[in-house]
Each structure stands twice: as C-alpha cells, then as structure tokens.
C-alpha cells in the first residue's frame, strides 16, 4: 500500500480542516490554537476560550496575544511564533509562563509547529499548551523545580536569594543555575524578575494603587 497516497486520499474527503480539531474541545487539559503569519488567531478550542474569558470563538478570531495578555508576555509569544515560521520547524515542549483567567501566572508546556499550504509556503502556526501541574510524565523533569517555582510565586514580594533556592532544589548554586535555565529558558534571577513585573502590572491595572 502507498501509505502517503492512502492518507492524502482520505484527508482530501474532509469538508474542512477544522473537523478533526473539534475533537480538542473534549480535552480540557489541552489549550489549542492556530494563527496566521501575523500571529492572528484563526481557531482555538474551548479550553483556550475559557482561559482568556471569551464566550465565543468569534471573540478571539483575528485578534493577537496583545489583546489578551500583558505586553511583555505577548511579545515573547509572538517572537516565538516568528521563529517557528522562519525556521520552518516545530518547537516542542517549551516551558512558558501564561496568565490564567484570574491573571495569575502559571507554567505551561508549549509546543508549536509551522503550517504549510499546498505549495509549501508557511501560512501560520498551530500550537498546544498543557498545564504544568496537570500534564503527566513528559513534565517530570520540571517537577524537580516545583518547590522552587511555588516559592517564588508565593514570596515574590519578599527577598529571594538564589542560594536559598538552590538549597531548596538540593543542588549547588552553579548546578541549580544551569538546570533551571536548561528547563525554563530563563536564569533564576530572570524568572523572579518576570514574576515581580507581572505582579506589578496586575496591581496597576486591577487596583487603584499608583506606580
């Protein structure tokens, strides 16, 4: 059997590419989206809608991350979109910070892949995210830092020193720094700063407190 021809023959019978993606509406732990080359959302699943507090897919289509997330995080997401499209290869299992519906930062495991048209041109990306706390074995390496991450989220407004975090992870300072950056793509100091900046942005936009 020519497996490629068999596959293409079946897929050609579908009345639209969104048929199969609707199945993702029944996976509440998975956040799914597609974007065009300008990083505008084309389709998302129900879990994604709930996370950005949108009622309908129509409320998201044509918008970008800037419409739903803080500017610094939106810039990071869109820059990564651009990298996937330029290099034309997937970026699998990247740890990333994303605000939940209440604005609190949470870790997710993100995978993105480029989308091509029939001529081989990149027309956008598709992506999935899984909640760090809910995903299974693939996240096991990240769990060795869970106590550290939880501590930073809870005590970001207090003095946090890297040696203390290293002791929490039962590693030397140099080992801890290398391992943290390997897992999350940030140094521990950068992670602490990002959490603090996000908390400050939330305070400015959601309270009456001044800068």
N, C-alpha and C. Protein backbone atom coordinates (compact mmCIF):
# COMPACT_ATOMS: atom_id res chain seq x y z
N UNK A 1 0.84 -1.20 0.00
CA UNK A 1 0.00 0.00 0.00
C UNK A 1 0.88 1.26 0.00
N UNK A 2 0.51 2.20 -0.83
CA UNK A 2 1.17 3.51 -0.80
C UNK A 2 0.52 4.30 0.33
N UNK A 3 1.17 4.30 1.49
CA UNK A 3 0.55 4.89 2.68
C UNK A 3 0.32 6.38 2.54
N UNK A 4 1.26 7.07 1.84
CA UNK A 4 1.11 8.52 1.67
C UNK A 4 -0.12 8.84 0.83
N UNK A 5 -0.29 8.09 -0.27
CA UNK A 5 -1.44 8.32 -1.13
C UNK A 5 -2.74 7.98 -0.41
N UNK A 6 -2.70 6.90 0.37
CA UNK A 6 -3.88 6.50 1.15
C UNK A 6 -4.29 7.61 2.11
N UNK A 7 -3.30 8.15 2.82
CA UNK A 7 -3.56 9.22 3.78
C UNK A 7 -4.12 10.45 3.09
N UNK A 8 -3.48 10.87 2.01
CA UNK A 8 -3.91 12.08 1.31
C UNK A 8 -5.30 11.91 0.71
N UNK A 9 -5.61 10.70 0.22
CA UNK A 9 -6.93 10.44 -0.35
C UNK A 9 -8.02 10.59 0.70
N UNK A 10 -7.74 10.08 1.90
CA UNK A 10 -8.74 10.20 2.97
C UNK A 10 -8.92 11.65 3.40
N UNK A 11 -7.81 12.34 3.64
CA UNK A 11 -7.89 13.72 4.13
C UNK A 11 -8.55 14.65 3.10
N UNK A 12 -8.38 14.33 1.82
CA UNK A 12 -8.98 15.16 0.77
C UNK A 12 -10.50 15.10 0.82
N UNK A 13 -11.05 14.07 1.44
CA UNK A 13 -12.51 13.92 1.50
C UNK A 13 -13.14 14.78 2.59
N UNK A 14 -12.34 15.27 3.52
CA UNK A 14 -12.89 16.09 4.60
C UNK A 14 -13.43 17.40 4.02
N UNK A 15 -14.54 17.87 4.58
CA UNK A 15 -15.10 19.11 4.05
C UNK A 15 -14.42 20.34 4.62
N UNK A 16 -13.49 20.15 5.52
CA UNK A 16 -12.74 21.27 6.07
C UNK A 16 -11.74 20.78 7.10
N UNK A 17 -10.60 21.47 7.25
CA UNK A 17 -9.56 21.03 8.17
C UNK A 17 -9.94 21.16 9.64
N UNK A 18 -11.03 21.89 9.95
CA UNK A 18 -11.40 22.09 11.35
C UNK A 18 -12.15 20.89 11.92
N UNK A 19 -12.56 19.96 11.05
CA UNK A 19 -13.31 18.80 11.54
C UNK A 19 -12.59 18.08 12.65
N UNK A 20 -11.32 17.75 12.41
CA UNK A 20 -10.57 16.97 13.39
C UNK A 20 -10.20 17.80 14.60
N UNK A 21 -9.96 19.10 14.41
CA UNK A 21 -9.54 19.92 15.55
C UNK A 21 -10.66 20.08 16.56
N UNK A 22 -11.91 19.88 16.17
CA UNK A 22 -13.03 20.00 17.12
C UNK A 22 -12.92 18.96 18.23
N UNK A 23 -12.22 17.85 17.94
CA UNK A 23 -12.03 16.83 18.97
C UNK A 23 -11.30 17.40 20.18
N UNK A 24 -10.48 18.41 19.94
CA UNK A 24 -9.70 19.01 21.03
C UNK A 24 -10.58 19.76 22.01
N UNK A 25 -11.83 20.03 21.65
CA UNK A 25 -12.76 20.64 22.59
C UNK A 25 -13.05 19.72 23.77
N UNK A 26 -12.80 18.43 23.60
CA UNK A 26 -13.10 17.45 24.63
C UNK A 26 -11.88 17.06 25.44
N UNK A 27 -10.82 17.83 25.29
CA UNK A 27 -9.61 17.60 26.08
C UNK A 27 -9.37 18.84 26.94
N UNK A 28 -10.00 18.92 28.11
CA UNK A 28 -9.95 20.15 28.91
C UNK A 28 -8.58 20.54 29.41
N UNK A 29 -7.62 19.60 29.39
CA UNK A 29 -6.28 19.93 29.87
C UNK A 29 -5.39 20.46 28.74
N UNK A 30 -5.93 20.51 27.52
CA UNK A 30 -5.14 20.94 26.36
C UNK A 30 -5.66 22.27 25.81
N UNK A 31 -4.76 23.23 25.66
CA UNK A 31 -5.08 24.52 25.05
C UNK A 31 -4.59 24.46 23.59
N UNK A 32 -5.50 24.67 22.64
CA UNK A 32 -5.15 24.56 21.23
C UNK A 32 -5.49 25.84 20.49
N UNK A 33 -4.62 26.22 19.53
CA UNK A 33 -4.88 27.40 18.71
C UNK A 33 -4.14 27.29 17.39
N UNK A 34 -4.64 28.00 16.39
CA UNK A 34 -3.93 28.21 15.13
C UNK A 34 -3.84 29.71 14.90
N UNK A 35 -2.73 30.15 14.30
CA UNK A 35 -2.54 31.56 13.98
C UNK A 35 -2.07 31.69 12.53
N UNK A 36 -2.31 32.87 11.95
CA UNK A 36 -1.79 33.14 10.60
C UNK A 36 -0.39 33.72 10.71
N UNK A 37 0.17 34.18 9.59
CA UNK A 37 1.55 34.67 9.59
C UNK A 37 1.73 35.97 10.36
N UNK A 38 0.63 36.65 10.69
CA UNK A 38 0.70 37.86 11.50
C UNK A 38 0.36 37.57 12.97
N UNK A 39 0.37 36.29 13.32
CA UNK A 39 0.08 35.84 14.68
C UNK A 39 -1.34 36.19 15.12
N UNK A 40 -2.26 36.27 14.16
CA UNK A 40 -3.67 36.48 14.50
C UNK A 40 -4.34 35.13 14.65
N UNK A 41 -5.15 34.99 15.70
CA UNK A 41 -5.81 33.71 15.94
C UNK A 41 -6.81 33.39 14.83
N UNK A 42 -6.76 32.15 14.36
CA UNK A 42 -7.66 31.67 13.31
C UNK A 42 -8.70 30.72 13.91
N UNK A 43 -8.26 29.88 14.82
CA UNK A 43 -9.18 28.99 15.54
C UNK A 43 -8.57 28.62 16.88
N UNK A 44 -9.41 28.39 17.87
CA UNK A 44 -8.97 27.98 19.21
C UNK A 44 -9.98 26.97 19.75
N UNK A 45 -9.58 26.22 20.77
CA UNK A 45 -10.55 25.29 21.36
C UNK A 45 -11.21 25.92 22.59
N UNK A 46 -12.15 25.20 23.18
CA UNK A 46 -12.94 25.75 24.28
C UNK A 46 -12.09 26.06 25.50
N UNK A 47 -11.09 25.23 25.77
CA UNK A 47 -10.24 25.48 26.93
C UNK A 47 -9.50 26.80 26.78
N UNK A 48 -9.04 27.09 25.58
CA UNK A 48 -8.38 28.37 25.32
C UNK A 48 -9.35 29.52 25.57
N UNK A 49 -10.58 29.38 25.08
CA UNK A 49 -11.58 30.43 25.27
C UNK A 49 -11.81 30.71 26.75
N UNK A 50 -11.93 29.64 27.54
CA UNK A 50 -12.16 29.82 28.97
C UNK A 50 -11.00 30.54 29.64
N UNK A 51 -9.79 30.25 29.19
CA UNK A 51 -8.62 30.85 29.83
C UNK A 51 -8.53 32.35 29.57
N UNK A 52 -9.02 32.80 28.40
CA UNK A 52 -8.99 34.24 28.10
C UNK A 52 -10.35 34.89 28.36
N UNK A 53 -11.22 34.15 29.04
CA UNK A 53 -12.57 34.62 29.41
C UNK A 53 -13.36 35.14 28.21
N UNK A 54 -13.28 34.41 27.11
CA UNK A 54 -14.09 34.72 25.93
C UNK A 54 -15.25 33.74 25.86
N UNK A 55 -16.40 34.21 25.40
CA UNK A 55 -17.58 33.36 25.31
C UNK A 55 -17.64 32.57 24.02
N UNK A 56 -17.18 33.19 22.93
CA UNK A 56 -17.30 32.55 21.62
C UNK A 56 -15.97 32.62 20.87
N UNK A 57 -15.78 31.70 19.97
CA UNK A 57 -14.56 31.71 19.16
C UNK A 57 -14.46 33.01 18.36
N UNK A 58 -15.62 33.54 17.97
CA UNK A 58 -15.64 34.80 17.21
C UNK A 58 -15.03 35.96 17.99
N UNK A 59 -15.01 35.85 19.32
CA UNK A 59 -14.44 36.91 20.14
C UNK A 59 -12.91 36.91 20.11
N UNK A 60 -12.33 35.83 19.57
CA UNK A 60 -10.88 35.67 19.56
C UNK A 60 -10.31 35.76 18.15
N UNK A 61 -11.05 35.25 17.16
CA UNK A 61 -10.54 35.19 15.78
C UNK A 61 -10.16 36.59 15.28
N UNK A 62 -8.97 36.67 14.68
CA UNK A 62 -8.48 37.93 14.13
C UNK A 62 -7.72 38.77 15.13
N UNK A 63 -7.74 38.39 16.41
CA UNK A 63 -7.00 39.12 17.43
C UNK A 63 -5.65 38.46 17.68
N UNK A 64 -4.81 39.12 18.44
CA UNK A 64 -3.48 38.59 18.74
C UNK A 64 -3.30 38.47 20.24
N UNK A 65 -2.15 37.96 20.64
CA UNK A 65 -1.85 37.82 22.07
C UNK A 65 -1.89 39.16 22.79
N UNK A 66 -1.62 40.26 22.08
CA UNK A 66 -1.65 41.58 22.71
C UNK A 66 -3.05 41.92 23.23
N UNK A 67 -4.07 41.31 22.67
CA UNK A 67 -5.44 41.59 23.10
C UNK A 67 -5.82 40.86 24.38
N UNK A 68 -5.00 39.88 24.80
CA UNK A 68 -5.38 39.05 25.94
C UNK A 68 -4.34 38.95 27.04
N UNK A 69 -3.09 39.27 26.72
CA UNK A 69 -2.02 39.06 27.69
C UNK A 69 -1.19 40.32 27.87
N UNK A 70 -0.45 40.45 28.99
CA UNK A 70 0.43 41.60 29.19
C UNK A 70 1.42 41.72 28.04
N UNK A 71 1.81 42.96 27.74
CA UNK A 71 2.66 43.24 26.58
C UNK A 71 3.95 42.44 26.58
N UNK A 72 4.62 42.34 27.73
CA UNK A 72 5.91 41.64 27.74
C UNK A 72 5.75 40.17 27.39
N UNK A 73 4.66 39.55 27.88
CA UNK A 73 4.43 38.15 27.57
C UNK A 73 3.98 37.98 26.12
N UNK A 74 3.10 38.87 25.65
CA UNK A 74 2.63 38.80 24.25
C UNK A 74 3.81 38.91 23.29
N UNK A 75 4.74 39.80 23.58
CA UNK A 75 5.92 39.95 22.73
C UNK A 75 6.71 38.64 22.66
N UNK A 76 6.83 37.98 23.79
CA UNK A 76 7.56 36.72 23.85
C UNK A 76 6.86 35.65 23.01
N UNK A 77 5.53 35.53 23.16
CA UNK A 77 4.79 34.51 22.41
C UNK A 77 4.90 34.75 20.90
N UNK A 78 4.74 36.01 20.49
CA UNK A 78 4.74 36.32 19.06
C UNK A 78 6.15 36.18 18.47
N UNK A 79 7.17 36.51 19.25
CA UNK A 79 8.55 36.32 18.78
C UNK A 79 8.82 34.84 18.52
N UNK A 80 8.29 33.99 19.40
CA UNK A 80 8.47 32.56 19.20
C UNK A 80 7.69 32.07 17.98
N UNK A 81 6.48 32.62 17.75
CA UNK A 81 5.73 32.31 16.52
C UNK A 81 6.61 32.58 15.29
N UNK A 82 7.23 33.76 15.29
CA UNK A 82 8.06 34.16 14.16
C UNK A 82 9.22 33.22 13.95
N UNK A 83 9.80 32.76 15.03
CA UNK A 83 10.92 31.82 14.93
C UNK A 83 10.47 30.51 14.29
N UNK A 84 9.31 30.01 14.71
CA UNK A 84 8.79 28.76 14.14
C UNK A 84 8.56 28.91 12.64
N UNK A 85 8.00 30.06 12.23
CA UNK A 85 7.70 30.26 10.81
C UNK A 85 8.97 30.49 9.99
N UNK A 86 9.93 31.22 10.55
CA UNK A 86 11.18 31.47 9.82
C UNK A 86 11.98 30.19 9.62
N UNK A 87 12.10 29.41 10.70
CA UNK A 87 12.94 28.22 10.66
C UNK A 87 12.20 27.01 10.10
N UNK A 88 10.86 27.10 10.00
CA UNK A 88 10.02 26.08 9.38
C UNK A 88 10.13 24.73 10.08
N UNK A 89 10.39 24.77 11.37
CA UNK A 89 10.47 23.53 12.16
C UNK A 89 9.72 23.72 13.46
N UNK A 90 9.17 22.64 14.02
CA UNK A 90 8.44 22.75 15.29
C UNK A 90 9.36 23.11 16.45
N UNK A 91 8.77 23.72 17.47
CA UNK A 91 9.44 23.91 18.76
C UNK A 91 8.61 23.13 19.79
N UNK A 92 9.07 21.94 20.19
CA UNK A 92 8.26 21.12 21.10
C UNK A 92 8.59 21.34 22.57
N UNK A 93 7.59 21.18 23.41
CA UNK A 93 7.77 21.08 24.86
C UNK A 93 8.64 22.17 25.46
N UNK A 94 8.22 23.43 25.21
CA UNK A 94 8.89 24.58 25.81
C UNK A 94 8.10 25.05 27.03
N UNK A 95 8.77 25.21 28.15
CA UNK A 95 8.09 25.74 29.33
C UNK A 95 7.86 27.23 29.14
N UNK A 96 6.63 27.69 29.42
CA UNK A 96 6.34 29.11 29.26
C UNK A 96 5.37 29.57 30.33
N UNK A 97 5.45 30.85 30.66
CA UNK A 97 4.56 31.46 31.64
C UNK A 97 3.35 32.06 30.92
N UNK A 98 2.15 31.72 31.38
CA UNK A 98 0.92 32.25 30.79
C UNK A 98 -0.04 32.60 31.93
N UNK A 99 -0.65 33.80 31.90
CA UNK A 99 -1.63 34.15 32.94
C UNK A 99 -2.90 33.32 32.78
N UNK A 100 -3.48 32.89 33.90
CA UNK A 100 -4.77 32.21 33.83
C UNK A 100 -5.89 33.25 33.78
N UNK A 101 -7.13 32.81 33.85
CA UNK A 101 -8.25 33.74 33.70
C UNK A 101 -8.31 34.79 34.81
N UNK A 102 -7.64 34.52 35.94
CA UNK A 102 -7.62 35.47 37.04
C UNK A 102 -6.37 36.37 37.01
N UNK A 103 -5.53 36.15 36.00
CA UNK A 103 -4.33 36.97 35.86
C UNK A 103 -3.11 36.42 36.55
N UNK A 104 -3.25 35.28 37.25
CA UNK A 104 -2.11 34.69 37.95
C UNK A 104 -1.26 33.91 36.96
N UNK A 105 0.06 34.09 37.05
CA UNK A 105 0.97 33.38 36.15
C UNK A 105 1.02 31.89 36.50
N UNK A 106 1.00 31.06 35.45
CA UNK A 106 1.13 29.62 35.63
C UNK A 106 2.09 29.10 34.56
N UNK A 107 2.76 28.00 34.88
CA UNK A 107 3.64 27.35 33.92
C UNK A 107 2.85 26.43 33.01
N UNK A 108 3.17 26.48 31.73
CA UNK A 108 2.59 25.56 30.76
C UNK A 108 3.71 24.96 29.92
N UNK A 109 3.43 23.79 29.37
CA UNK A 109 4.35 23.18 28.42
C UNK A 109 3.77 23.44 27.04
N UNK A 110 4.51 24.18 26.22
CA UNK A 110 4.01 24.66 24.92
C UNK A 110 4.75 23.98 23.77
N UNK A 111 3.99 23.59 22.75
CA UNK A 111 4.57 23.07 21.51
C UNK A 111 3.95 23.81 20.34
N UNK A 112 4.78 24.23 19.39
CA UNK A 112 4.30 24.94 18.20
C UNK A 112 4.87 24.28 16.95
N UNK A 113 4.08 24.29 15.87
CA UNK A 113 4.55 23.74 14.62
C UNK A 113 4.11 24.64 13.46
N UNK A 114 4.92 24.79 12.41
CA UNK A 114 4.51 25.62 11.28
C UNK A 114 3.41 24.93 10.47
N UNK A 115 2.57 25.73 9.82
CA UNK A 115 1.54 25.23 8.92
C UNK A 115 1.90 25.65 7.50
N UNK A 116 1.75 24.72 6.55
CA UNK A 116 2.12 24.98 5.16
C UNK A 116 0.90 24.87 4.25
N UNK A 117 0.92 25.65 3.16
CA UNK A 117 -0.13 25.49 2.16
C UNK A 117 0.29 24.43 1.14
N UNK A 118 -0.50 24.24 0.09
CA UNK A 118 -0.22 23.18 -0.88
C UNK A 118 1.04 23.43 -1.70
N UNK A 119 1.53 24.67 -1.69
CA UNK A 119 2.75 24.98 -2.44
C UNK A 119 4.00 24.92 -1.56
N UNK A 120 3.80 24.63 -0.27
CA UNK A 120 4.95 24.55 0.63
C UNK A 120 5.28 25.85 1.34
N UNK A 121 4.46 26.87 1.14
CA UNK A 121 4.68 28.15 1.83
C UNK A 121 4.09 28.10 3.24
N UNK A 122 4.79 28.74 4.18
CA UNK A 122 4.28 28.81 5.55
C UNK A 122 3.11 29.78 5.59
N UNK A 123 1.99 29.33 6.15
CA UNK A 123 0.81 30.19 6.25
C UNK A 123 0.43 30.48 7.71
N UNK A 124 1.20 29.94 8.65
CA UNK A 124 0.89 30.21 10.05
C UNK A 124 1.48 29.14 10.94
N UNK A 125 0.93 29.03 12.14
CA UNK A 125 1.38 28.02 13.09
C UNK A 125 0.18 27.40 13.78
N UNK A 126 0.39 26.22 14.34
CA UNK A 126 -0.57 25.59 15.25
C UNK A 126 0.17 25.33 16.55
N UNK A 127 -0.54 25.47 17.66
CA UNK A 127 0.11 25.27 18.95
C UNK A 127 -0.79 24.61 19.96
N UNK A 128 -0.17 23.92 20.90
CA UNK A 128 -0.89 23.34 22.03
C UNK A 128 -0.13 23.67 23.30
N UNK A 129 -0.87 23.82 24.39
CA UNK A 129 -0.26 24.02 25.71
C UNK A 129 -0.91 23.06 26.69
N UNK A 130 -0.09 22.58 27.62
CA UNK A 130 -0.60 21.73 28.69
C UNK A 130 -0.19 22.32 30.02
N UNK A 131 -1.13 22.32 30.95
CA UNK A 131 -0.89 22.86 32.28
C UNK A 131 0.25 22.08 32.94
N UNK A 132 1.24 22.83 33.40
CA UNK A 132 2.39 22.23 34.09
C UNK A 132 1.96 21.31 35.22
N UNK A 133 0.95 21.72 35.98
CA UNK A 133 0.53 20.95 37.15
C UNK A 133 -0.30 19.73 36.78
N UNK A 134 -0.88 19.72 35.56
CA UNK A 134 -1.79 18.64 35.19
C UNK A 134 -1.20 17.63 34.23
N UNK A 135 -0.16 18.04 33.48
CA UNK A 135 0.40 17.12 32.49
C UNK A 135 1.11 15.96 33.17
N UNK A 136 1.41 14.92 32.40
CA UNK A 136 1.91 13.68 33.00
C UNK A 136 3.42 13.53 32.89
N UNK A 137 3.87 12.38 32.43
CA UNK A 137 5.29 12.04 32.51
C UNK A 137 6.22 13.01 31.79
N UNK A 138 5.73 13.61 30.69
CA UNK A 138 6.61 14.49 29.91
C UNK A 138 7.09 15.67 30.75
N UNK A 139 6.34 16.00 31.81
CA UNK A 139 6.71 17.13 32.66
C UNK A 139 7.55 16.74 33.87
N UNK A 140 7.85 15.46 34.01
CA UNK A 140 8.57 15.01 35.19
C UNK A 140 9.86 15.79 35.44
N UNK A 141 10.68 16.10 34.41
CA UNK A 141 11.91 16.85 34.68
C UNK A 141 11.65 18.22 35.31
N UNK A 142 10.50 18.83 34.99
CA UNK A 142 10.19 20.16 35.52
C UNK A 142 9.77 20.09 36.99
N UNK A 143 9.28 18.94 37.42
CA UNK A 143 8.76 18.84 38.77
C UNK A 143 9.85 18.89 39.83
N UNK A 144 11.09 18.64 39.41
CA UNK A 144 12.17 18.75 40.38
C UNK A 144 12.33 20.20 40.85
N UNK A 145 11.79 21.14 40.09
CA UNK A 145 11.85 22.55 40.45
C UNK A 145 10.51 23.08 40.98
N UNK A 146 9.55 22.20 41.20
CA UNK A 146 8.22 22.67 41.58
C UNK A 146 8.23 23.44 42.89
N UNK A 147 8.97 22.96 43.88
CA UNK A 147 9.03 23.66 45.17
C UNK A 147 9.62 25.05 44.99
N UNK A 148 10.64 25.15 44.13
CA UNK A 148 11.27 26.45 43.86
C UNK A 148 10.28 27.40 43.19
N UNK A 149 9.61 26.92 42.13
CA UNK A 149 8.65 27.74 41.40
C UNK A 149 7.52 28.18 42.32
N UNK A 150 6.98 27.25 43.10
CA UNK A 150 5.89 27.59 44.01
C UNK A 150 6.32 28.65 45.02
N UNK A 151 7.55 28.53 45.51
CA UNK A 151 8.06 29.51 46.49
C UNK A 151 8.15 30.90 45.89
N UNK A 152 8.65 31.00 44.65
CA UNK A 152 8.76 32.31 44.00
C UNK A 152 7.38 32.92 43.79
N UNK A 153 6.42 32.12 43.34
CA UNK A 153 5.06 32.64 43.15
C UNK A 153 4.46 33.16 44.46
N UNK A 154 4.78 32.49 45.56
CA UNK A 154 4.18 32.86 46.84
C UNK A 154 4.95 33.98 47.56
N UNK A 155 6.23 34.11 47.29
CA UNK A 155 7.06 35.05 48.07
C UNK A 155 7.78 36.07 47.19
N UNK A 156 7.23 36.35 45.99
CA UNK A 156 7.92 37.26 45.07
C UNK A 156 8.08 38.67 45.64
N UNK A 157 7.21 39.04 46.62
CA UNK A 157 7.27 40.38 47.19
C UNK A 157 8.24 40.46 48.37
N UNK A 158 8.95 39.38 48.62
CA UNK A 158 9.93 39.35 49.71
C UNK A 158 11.32 39.12 49.10
N UNK A 159 12.33 39.20 49.94
CA UNK A 159 13.69 38.96 49.46
C UNK A 159 13.85 37.48 49.13
N UNK A 160 14.29 37.19 47.91
CA UNK A 160 14.53 35.81 47.48
C UNK A 160 15.97 35.72 46.99
N UNK A 161 16.75 34.85 47.59
CA UNK A 161 18.14 34.72 47.14
C UNK A 161 18.32 33.38 46.45
N UNK A 162 19.13 33.40 45.41
CA UNK A 162 19.36 32.20 44.60
C UNK A 162 19.99 31.06 45.42
N UNK A 163 20.95 31.34 46.31
CA UNK A 163 21.48 30.23 47.12
C UNK A 163 20.40 29.50 47.90
N UNK A 164 19.41 30.26 48.41
CA UNK A 164 18.31 29.62 49.13
C UNK A 164 17.48 28.73 48.22
N UNK A 165 17.26 29.18 47.00
CA UNK A 165 16.51 28.37 46.04
C UNK A 165 17.31 27.12 45.67
N UNK A 166 18.62 27.27 45.54
CA UNK A 166 19.46 26.12 45.21
C UNK A 166 19.39 25.07 46.31
N UNK A 167 19.40 25.51 47.57
CA UNK A 167 19.29 24.57 48.68
C UNK A 167 17.93 23.85 48.63
N UNK A 168 16.91 24.58 48.25
CA UNK A 168 15.57 24.01 48.14
C UNK A 168 15.54 22.88 47.11
N UNK A 169 16.34 23.05 46.04
CA UNK A 169 16.40 22.05 44.97
C UNK A 169 17.48 21.00 45.22
N UNK A 170 18.20 21.12 46.36
CA UNK A 170 19.27 20.19 46.73
C UNK A 170 20.38 20.16 45.67
N UNK A 171 20.74 21.36 45.18
CA UNK A 171 21.79 21.48 44.18
C UNK A 171 22.76 22.58 44.61
N UNK A 172 23.97 22.53 44.06
CA UNK A 172 24.88 23.65 44.27
C UNK A 172 24.34 24.85 43.48
N UNK A 173 24.86 26.04 43.77
CA UNK A 173 24.36 27.24 43.09
C UNK A 173 24.59 27.14 41.59
N UNK A 174 25.79 26.69 41.18
CA UNK A 174 26.08 26.60 39.75
C UNK A 174 25.23 25.52 39.08
N UNK A 175 25.05 24.39 39.74
CA UNK A 175 24.20 23.33 39.19
C UNK A 175 22.75 23.80 39.07
N UNK A 176 22.29 24.48 40.09
CA UNK A 176 20.91 24.98 40.09
C UNK A 176 20.69 25.97 38.96
N UNK A 177 21.64 26.90 38.81
CA UNK A 177 21.51 27.91 37.77
C UNK A 177 21.46 27.26 36.39
N UNK A 178 22.34 26.31 36.13
CA UNK A 178 22.37 25.63 34.83
C UNK A 178 21.09 24.82 34.60
N UNK A 179 20.66 24.09 35.62
CA UNK A 179 19.47 23.23 35.46
C UNK A 179 18.22 24.05 35.26
N UNK A 180 18.08 25.14 36.00
CA UNK A 180 16.90 25.99 35.89
C UNK A 180 16.83 26.59 34.48
N UNK A 181 17.95 27.09 34.00
CA UNK A 181 17.97 27.69 32.66
C UNK A 181 17.71 26.65 31.58
N UNK A 182 18.23 25.45 31.78
CA UNK A 182 18.00 24.37 30.82
C UNK A 182 16.51 24.04 30.71
N UNK A 183 15.82 24.02 31.84
CA UNK A 183 14.41 23.64 31.86
C UNK A 183 13.50 24.77 31.37
N UNK A 184 13.75 26.00 31.84
CA UNK A 184 12.79 27.07 31.63
C UNK A 184 13.26 28.16 30.66
N UNK A 185 14.50 28.08 30.21
CA UNK A 185 14.98 29.08 29.27
C UNK A 185 15.22 30.44 29.91
N UNK A 186 15.24 30.50 31.23
CA UNK A 186 15.48 31.73 31.98
C UNK A 186 16.43 31.42 33.12
N UNK A 187 17.23 32.39 33.52
CA UNK A 187 18.00 32.22 34.74
C UNK A 187 17.04 32.38 35.91
N UNK A 188 17.38 31.88 37.09
CA UNK A 188 16.51 32.08 38.25
C UNK A 188 16.22 33.56 38.50
N UNK A 189 17.24 34.41 38.34
CA UNK A 189 17.04 35.85 38.56
C UNK A 189 16.04 36.43 37.55
N UNK A 190 16.14 36.00 36.29
CA UNK A 190 15.20 36.48 35.27
C UNK A 190 13.77 36.02 35.58
N UNK A 191 13.64 34.80 36.05
CA UNK A 191 12.32 34.28 36.39
C UNK A 191 11.70 35.09 37.53
N UNK A 192 12.48 35.34 38.58
CA UNK A 192 11.98 36.12 39.71
C UNK A 192 11.55 37.51 39.24
N UNK A 193 12.38 38.14 38.41
CA UNK A 193 12.06 39.48 37.91
C UNK A 193 10.78 39.46 37.08
N UNK A 194 10.62 38.44 36.24
CA UNK A 194 9.43 38.37 35.39
C UNK A 194 8.16 38.22 36.23
N UNK A 195 8.22 37.39 37.26
CA UNK A 195 7.07 37.23 38.14
C UNK A 195 6.75 38.54 38.85
N UNK A 196 7.77 39.26 39.31
CA UNK A 196 7.56 40.52 40.01
C UNK A 196 6.98 41.59 39.07
N UNK A 197 7.49 41.67 37.84
CA UNK A 197 6.96 42.65 36.89
C UNK A 197 5.51 42.35 36.57
N UNK A 198 5.19 41.07 36.38
CA UNK A 198 3.81 40.71 36.08
C UNK A 198 2.89 41.08 37.25
N UNK A 199 3.35 40.80 38.47
CA UNK A 199 2.54 41.14 39.64
C UNK A 199 2.32 42.65 39.74
N UNK A 200 3.36 43.43 39.42
CA UNK A 200 3.23 44.88 39.45
C UNK A 200 2.25 45.37 38.39
N UNK A 201 2.31 44.77 37.20
CA UNK A 201 1.37 45.15 36.12
C UNK A 201 -0.07 44.85 36.53
N UNK A 202 -0.27 43.72 37.16
CA UNK A 202 -1.61 43.36 37.64
C UNK A 202 -2.09 44.37 38.68
N UNK A 203 -1.21 44.77 39.57
CA UNK A 203 -1.60 45.71 40.63
C UNK A 203 -1.99 47.06 40.04
N UNK A 204 -1.24 47.51 39.04
CA UNK A 204 -1.52 48.81 38.42
C UNK A 204 -2.86 48.79 37.66
N UNK A 205 -3.11 47.68 36.95
CA UNK A 205 -4.31 47.63 36.11
C UNK A 205 -5.56 47.20 36.85
N UNK A 206 -5.42 46.52 37.98
CA UNK A 206 -6.60 45.97 38.65
C UNK A 206 -6.88 46.58 40.02
N UNK A 207 -6.03 47.53 40.45
CA UNK A 207 -6.28 48.20 41.73
C UNK A 207 -6.15 49.70 41.51
N UNK A 208 -6.42 50.46 42.56
CA UNK A 208 -6.31 51.90 42.48
C UNK A 208 -4.94 52.41 42.88
N UNK A 209 -4.00 51.49 43.10
CA UNK A 209 -2.67 51.88 43.55
C UNK A 209 -1.89 52.52 42.42
N UNK A 210 -1.08 53.50 42.74
CA UNK A 210 -0.25 54.17 41.73
C UNK A 210 1.03 53.41 41.52
N UNK A 211 1.74 53.75 40.43
CA UNK A 211 3.02 53.10 40.18
C UNK A 211 3.99 53.39 41.33
